[in-house]
Amino acid sequence: MATDPLAKVRNEIGLRVAEIRDAGPRLSPLDLYARMDAIRQLAAVNGLATLEGLARHSTQLALLPGHRVAVQTCLEHVDEALDSETEADCSTILAALAIRLH
């Protein structure tokens, strides 16, 4: 029986995403920034480059007007970022995100 070596990390990220979704509008832009940056750091430490790129972009969006919609849209792509296998995946996800937000 093969186990996912990143199962613990995936679970932790899932919990953090759920906390952001549950808190929703109660979070200030700085709180959103801090929470997304924590996800970015966790992704960086564990070699999840695509998720790190998505979270980095999300932290930037968290401080701009329209941050609630932008961050929620970013969160919709977390599972894709976790499952990414190539460097091009980050560009693809960020492009899809840009189209949805434009």
Protein backbone atom coordinates (compact mmCIF):
# COMPACT_ATOMS: atom_id res chain seq x y z
CA MET A 1 0.00 0.00 0.00
CA ALA A 2 1.63 3.23 -1.15
CA THR A 3 1.09 6.31 0.95
CA ASP A 4 1.24 9.90 -0.17
CA PRO A 5 4.41 11.42 1.33
CA LEU A 6 2.74 14.82 1.22
CA ALA A 7 -0.52 13.71 2.84
CA LYS A 8 0.18 15.63 6.04
CA VAL A 9 1.04 18.79 4.07
CA ARG A 10 -2.06 18.42 1.90
CA ASN A 11 -4.18 18.06 5.01
CA GLU A 12 -2.60 21.13 6.62
CA ILE A 13 -3.16 23.20 3.48
CA GLY A 14 -6.75 21.97 3.26
CA LEU A 15 -7.36 23.05 6.85
CA ARG A 16 -5.87 26.50 6.20
CA VAL A 17 -7.96 26.97 3.06
CA ALA A 18 -11.09 25.90 4.96
CA GLU A 19 -10.33 28.45 7.70
CA ILE A 20 -10.05 31.23 5.11
CA ARG A 21 -13.30 30.19 3.45
CA ASP A 22 -15.14 29.89 6.76
CA ALA A 23 -13.96 33.28 8.03
CA GLY A 24 -14.87 34.89 4.70
CA PRO A 25 -15.74 38.56 4.96
CA ARG A 26 -14.59 38.84 8.59
CA LEU A 27 -10.96 38.75 7.47
CA SER A 28 -9.21 42.03 6.78
CA PRO A 29 -6.92 42.35 3.76
CA LEU A 30 -3.90 42.02 6.08
CA ASP A 31 -5.34 38.85 7.63
CA LEU A 32 -5.92 37.39 4.17
CA TYR A 33 -2.38 38.33 3.21
CA ALA A 34 -0.92 36.66 6.33
CA ARG A 35 -2.94 33.48 5.89
CA MET A 36 -2.09 33.13 2.21
CA ASP A 37 1.56 33.84 2.98
CA ALA A 38 1.51 31.03 5.55
CA ILE A 39 0.23 28.69 2.83
CA ARG A 40 2.96 29.98 0.50
CA GLN A 41 5.63 29.28 3.11
CA LEU A 42 4.31 25.78 3.74
CA ALA A 43 4.31 25.09 -0.01
CA ALA A 44 7.85 26.45 -0.39
CA VAL A 45 9.23 24.31 2.43
CA ASN A 46 7.69 21.20 0.88
CA GLY A 47 8.69 21.83 -2.72
CA LEU A 48 5.21 22.57 -4.06
CA ALA A 49 6.30 25.19 -6.58
CA THR A 50 2.97 25.66 -8.32
CA LEU A 51 1.09 26.10 -5.07
CA GLU A 52 3.79 28.47 -3.87
CA GLY A 53 3.35 30.58 -7.03
CA LEU A 54 -0.42 30.62 -6.67
CA ALA A 55 -0.21 31.57 -3.00
CA ARG A 56 2.35 34.29 -3.74
CA HIS A 57 0.00 35.76 -6.33
CA SER A 58 -2.89 35.47 -3.87
CA THR A 59 -0.98 37.41 -1.21
CA GLN A 60 -0.53 40.25 -3.68
CA LEU A 61 -4.21 40.23 -4.60
CA ALA A 62 -5.21 40.20 -0.93
CA LEU A 63 -4.00 43.78 -0.57
CA LEU A 64 -5.80 45.18 -3.63
CA PRO A 65 -9.39 46.36 -4.14
CA GLY A 66 -11.63 43.40 -4.86
CA HIS A 67 -9.46 41.20 -2.66
CA ARG A 68 -12.28 38.99 -1.36
CA VAL A 69 -13.35 37.82 -4.81
CA ALA A 70 -9.76 37.51 -6.01
CA VAL A 71 -8.60 35.39 -3.07
CA GLN A 72 -11.69 33.17 -3.24
CA THR A 73 -10.99 32.62 -6.93
CA CYS A 74 -7.39 31.71 -6.10
CA LEU A 75 -8.58 29.23 -3.49
CA GLU A 76 -10.62 27.46 -6.17
CA HIS A 77 -7.33 26.53 -7.86
CA VAL A 78 -5.51 25.14 -4.80
CA ASP A 79 -6.34 21.51 -5.60
CA GLU A 80 -5.03 21.91 -9.15
CA ALA A 81 -1.85 23.49 -7.80
CA LEU A 82 -1.36 20.65 -5.33
CA ASP A 83 -1.69 18.10 -8.13
CA SER A 84 0.62 19.90 -10.55
CA GLU A 85 3.53 18.00 -12.00
CA THR A 86 5.21 20.45 -14.35
CA GLU A 87 6.54 23.99 -14.21
CA ALA A 88 4.09 25.02 -16.92
CA ASP A 89 1.19 24.22 -14.58
CA CYS A 90 1.84 27.36 -12.55
CA SER A 91 1.66 29.55 -15.65
CA THR A 92 -1.50 27.79 -16.80
CA ILE A 93 -3.22 28.23 -13.44
CA LEU A 94 -2.21 31.88 -13.16
CA ALA A 95 -3.41 32.51 -16.73
CA ALA A 96 -6.77 30.90 -15.95
CA LEU A 97 -6.98 33.00 -12.82
CA ALA A 98 -6.22 36.20 -14.75
CA ILE A 99 -8.94 35.44 -17.27
CA ARG A 100 -11.51 34.81 -14.56
CA LEU A 101 -10.62 38.02 -12.71
CA HIS A 102 -10.50 40.24 -15.76
